[in-house]
Amino acid sequence: MTELLTTYFPELTARQRERFERMGPLYAAWNARVNLISRKDFEHLVERHILHSLGIAKVVAFRKGTRIIDVGTGGGFPLIPLAVLFPDCVFHGIDGIGKKIAAVQGIIAGLGLTNCTAEQVRSTEHRQRYDVIVSRAVTTLPGFIRDTRHLVAQGAGRLYYLKGGDLADELLPITQRYRVHALSEYFAEEFFATKKVVEVEL
């Protein structure tokens, strides 16, 4: 389970490796009850979900105490892998689907994560403020920015958005400063050939 992760993150502590090892059985158990990941895709859990989530950590190292919200967390990606990797930061995941949030809460508890919470609420209705927004392609980027900008202090926040494919048309309307990081520069697997992290200054 952790062999692929330690290839790219050799500095993982024994506690972090142990938690990543436990993710597989926990996700298998919860996935049998709630459809978090398709059965066909589950065999690629480490590469396509855990390592993909950690792609954000290849472009930014969150400082101690950073408050991070994962909007549209779904099955807990990138929320849970990032919370394991950055134990000194505070993570909160939100999603509109209650069954998924219940599963995510169960996985957080199963891993013994004390720096990570999850809540059923839509981004447009959430009123807390954070330092950073993360997400994994829940909608088009301009619409996502419009619906989430209130979650960070204007001019002081950052967004790290995991996205695949050709982004040219999607980036055209964005007026904020942004940078596109190709995950193929960090990960050799074919899955990452078109995967990117879009960093936006909010």
Foldseek 3Di string as FASTA:
>chain_A
DCPQVCVQVVVQDPLLSVLVVVLLVLCVVLCVVPVQDDPVCSVVCCPPFLVLLCLVVVVDDDDQAFEEEEAQCRQNPPNPSVCSVRVRYAYEYEHQDPSSQVSNQVSCVVSVRPRYHYDRDHQQPDQAAGAEYEYEPPDQDVVVCVSHVNNYDAQRHKYKYKDFDDCVVSCVVDPFDKDKAQSVVRDVDPVSRGIIIIMTGD
